[in-house]
Amino acid sequence: MSLPSYAVRVAEDRADRELCFAVRKEVFVAEQGVPEDLEYDAYDAVAVHVLAVREDGVPLGTGRLLYGSAAAEKVGGDLTLGSLGRLAVTQEARGLGVGVALVRAIEDAARALGLAAVDLHAQTHALGFYERLGYEAYGAEYLEAGMAHQGMRRAL
């Protein structure tokens, strides 16, 4: 069985963002039980969203980057940090490198914005994934949306 071909791009229009939100609904709301009112927030309007799609247009994954004042609210006021969040990969696409490609696309977007580092709030089961990508854990574990999370950061 061959791996499906996919592309990762910045979500440029409303249709792309709707695909991003559909992936988040599938992964976070339906699969993990995150309430919709917690999953979608005002930051969605100002974030850079990235999207992984198959050749036939089916979405496989998404993530978002907050920067400027939106990120500063999440990372303690530091305007040089971006905040990676809402990284989600559909069940069918897990293990195909989609998550890595999304993280690298978010990091590229952060570099293009002149940011010095990317911060994130990882679900603790995903710590190893982010560590393999160069992220380092900091601070104490905490609960977010009822799930254990850990702060992580990577210099660009």
Protein backbone atom coordinates (compact mmCIF):
# COMPACT_ATOMS: atom_id res chain seq x y z
CA MET A 1 0.00 0.00 0.00
CA SER A 2 1.46 3.36 -0.97
CA LEU A 3 1.30 6.42 1.22
CA PRO A 4 -1.23 9.03 0.16
CA SER A 5 0.24 12.15 -1.37
CA TYR A 6 -0.56 15.33 0.53
CA ALA A 7 0.43 18.97 0.64
CA VAL A 8 0.77 21.36 3.56
CA ARG A 9 -0.10 25.00 3.04
CA VAL A 10 -1.12 28.12 4.90
CA ALA A 11 -4.91 28.37 4.91
CA GLU A 12 -5.51 31.28 2.56
CA ASP A 13 -9.29 31.62 2.49
CA ARG A 14 -12.52 30.83 4.29
CA ALA A 15 -12.84 27.42 2.58
CA ASP A 16 -9.36 26.40 3.82
CA ARG A 17 -10.15 27.59 7.35
CA GLU A 18 -13.40 25.60 7.29
CA LEU A 19 -11.36 22.48 6.45
CA CYS A 20 -9.07 23.28 9.40
CA PHE A 21 -12.08 23.61 11.71
CA ALA A 22 -13.52 20.33 10.39
CA VAL A 23 -10.31 18.49 11.32
CA ARG A 24 -10.33 20.08 14.78
CA LYS A 25 -13.97 19.08 15.27
CA GLU A 26 -13.19 15.49 14.25
CA VAL A 27 -10.10 15.17 16.47
CA PHE A 28 -10.72 17.40 19.48
CA VAL A 29 -14.51 17.52 19.80
CA ALA A 30 -15.64 14.11 18.52
CA GLU A 31 -12.59 11.98 19.38
CA GLN A 32 -11.27 13.65 22.55
CA GLY A 33 -14.50 15.13 23.91
CA VAL A 34 -13.40 18.78 24.07
CA PRO A 35 -16.49 21.01 24.29
CA GLU A 36 -16.97 23.05 21.11
CA ASP A 37 -17.16 26.29 23.08
CA LEU A 38 -13.61 25.62 24.32
CA GLU A 39 -12.24 24.41 20.99
CA TYR A 40 -13.08 27.48 18.93
CA ASP A 41 -12.10 30.91 20.24
CA ALA A 42 -11.51 34.52 19.26
CA TYR A 43 -7.87 33.69 18.42
CA ASP A 44 -9.03 31.76 15.35
CA ALA A 45 -9.78 35.05 13.60
CA VAL A 46 -6.19 36.34 13.96
CA ALA A 47 -4.15 33.12 13.76
CA VAL A 48 -2.12 31.76 10.88
CA HIS A 49 -3.74 28.38 10.14
CA VAL A 50 -1.91 25.60 8.30
CA LEU A 51 -3.64 22.75 6.54
CA ALA A 52 -2.57 19.34 5.23
CA VAL A 53 -4.74 18.00 2.41
CA ARG A 54 -4.68 14.91 0.22
CA GLU A 55 -4.46 15.30 -3.56
CA ASP A 56 -8.25 14.91 -3.72
CA GLY A 57 -8.79 17.78 -1.26
CA VAL A 58 -9.61 15.70 1.83
CA PRO A 59 -8.15 17.41 4.91
CA LEU A 60 -5.68 15.37 6.95
CA GLY A 61 -4.44 17.80 9.58
CA THR A 62 -4.21 21.34 10.81
CA GLY A 63 -2.52 23.62 13.30
CA ARG A 64 -2.38 27.31 14.08
CA LEU A 65 0.17 29.94 14.99
CA LEU A 66 -0.62 32.90 17.21
CA TYR A 67 1.76 35.85 17.11
CA GLY A 68 1.94 39.43 18.30
CA SER A 69 -0.45 40.45 21.06
CA ALA A 70 -2.52 37.26 20.64
CA ALA A 71 0.51 35.08 21.37
CA ALA A 72 1.77 37.41 24.09
CA GLU A 73 -1.44 36.79 26.03
CA LYS A 74 -0.67 33.05 25.95
CA VAL A 75 3.10 33.19 26.58
CA GLY A 76 3.49 35.80 29.28
CA GLY A 77 3.77 39.01 27.29
CA ASP A 78 6.78 38.11 25.13
CA LEU A 79 6.20 39.46 21.60
CA THR A 80 9.17 37.47 20.22
CA LEU A 81 7.38 34.15 20.81
CA GLY A 82 4.81 32.46 18.64
CA SER A 83 2.26 30.08 20.09
CA LEU A 84 1.66 26.81 18.23
CA GLY A 85 -1.72 25.31 18.98
CA ARG A 86 -4.65 23.23 17.86
CA LEU A 87 -2.37 20.74 16.10
CA ALA A 88 -4.62 17.89 14.95
CA VAL A 89 -4.15 14.99 12.56
CA THR A 90 -7.01 12.72 11.48
CA GLN A 91 -6.84 9.06 12.47
CA GLU A 92 -6.31 7.97 8.85
CA ALA A 93 -3.24 10.22 8.52
CA ARG A 94 -1.45 9.43 11.79
CA GLY A 95 1.99 7.93 11.32
CA LEU A 96 2.42 9.40 7.83
CA GLY A 97 4.51 12.43 8.84
CA VAL A 98 1.62 14.89 8.60
CA GLY A 99 2.10 16.18 12.15
CA VAL A 100 5.81 16.81 11.57
CA ALA A 101 5.06 18.62 8.30
CA LEU A 102 2.46 20.81 10.02
CA VAL A 103 4.82 21.74 12.87
CA ARG A 104 7.59 22.63 10.41
CA ALA A 105 5.14 24.75 8.36
CA ILE A 106 4.12 26.62 11.52
CA GLU A 107 7.78 27.16 12.40
CA ASP A 108 8.43 28.48 8.88
CA ALA A 109 5.53 30.92 9.29
CA ALA A 110 6.95 32.01 12.66
CA ARG A 111 10.38 32.62 11.12
CA ALA A 112 8.79 34.65 8.32
CA LEU A 113 7.17 36.83 11.01
CA GLY A 114 10.57 37.36 12.68
CA LEU A 115 9.75 35.37 15.81
CA ALA A 116 12.58 33.99 17.94
CA ALA A 117 10.89 30.86 19.28
CA VAL A 118 7.70 28.83 19.27
CA ASP A 119 5.87 27.93 22.47
CA LEU A 120 3.13 25.32 22.82
CA HIS A 121 0.89 23.56 25.31
CA ALA A 122 1.31 19.84 24.59
CA GLN A 123 -1.04 17.12 25.69
CA THR A 124 1.28 14.99 27.82
CA HIS A 125 0.82 11.91 25.62
CA ALA A 126 2.42 13.97 22.78
CA LEU A 127 5.55 15.06 24.69
CA GLY A 128 7.80 12.57 22.87
CA PHE A 129 6.56 13.77 19.48
CA TYR A 130 7.46 17.38 20.24
CA GLU A 131 10.75 16.43 21.93
CA ARG A 132 11.82 14.64 18.72
CA LEU A 133 11.17 17.94 16.90
CA GLY A 134 13.45 19.87 19.26
CA TYR A 135 10.95 21.21 21.80
CA GLU A 136 11.89 21.31 25.48
CA ALA A 137 9.42 21.00 28.34
CA TYR A 138 9.25 23.67 31.03
CA GLY A 139 7.16 24.33 34.12
CA ALA A 140 4.70 22.06 35.85
CA GLU A 141 2.10 19.85 34.23
CA TYR A 142 -1.41 21.35 34.30
CA LEU A 143 -4.95 20.62 33.15
CA GLU A 144 -6.45 22.26 30.06
CA ALA A 145 -9.88 21.20 28.77
CA GLY A 146 -9.74 18.43 31.39
CA MET A 147 -6.55 16.90 29.93
CA ALA A 148 -2.96 16.92 31.23
CA HIS A 149 -0.73 19.39 29.37
CA GLN A 150 2.89 20.55 29.53
CA GLY A 151 4.46 23.80 28.33
CA MET A 152 7.16 23.36 25.68
CA ARG A 153 9.33 25.72 23.66
CA ARG A 154 11.79 25.63 20.74
CA ALA A 155 14.12 28.39 19.61
CA LEU A 156 14.02 29.04 15.87
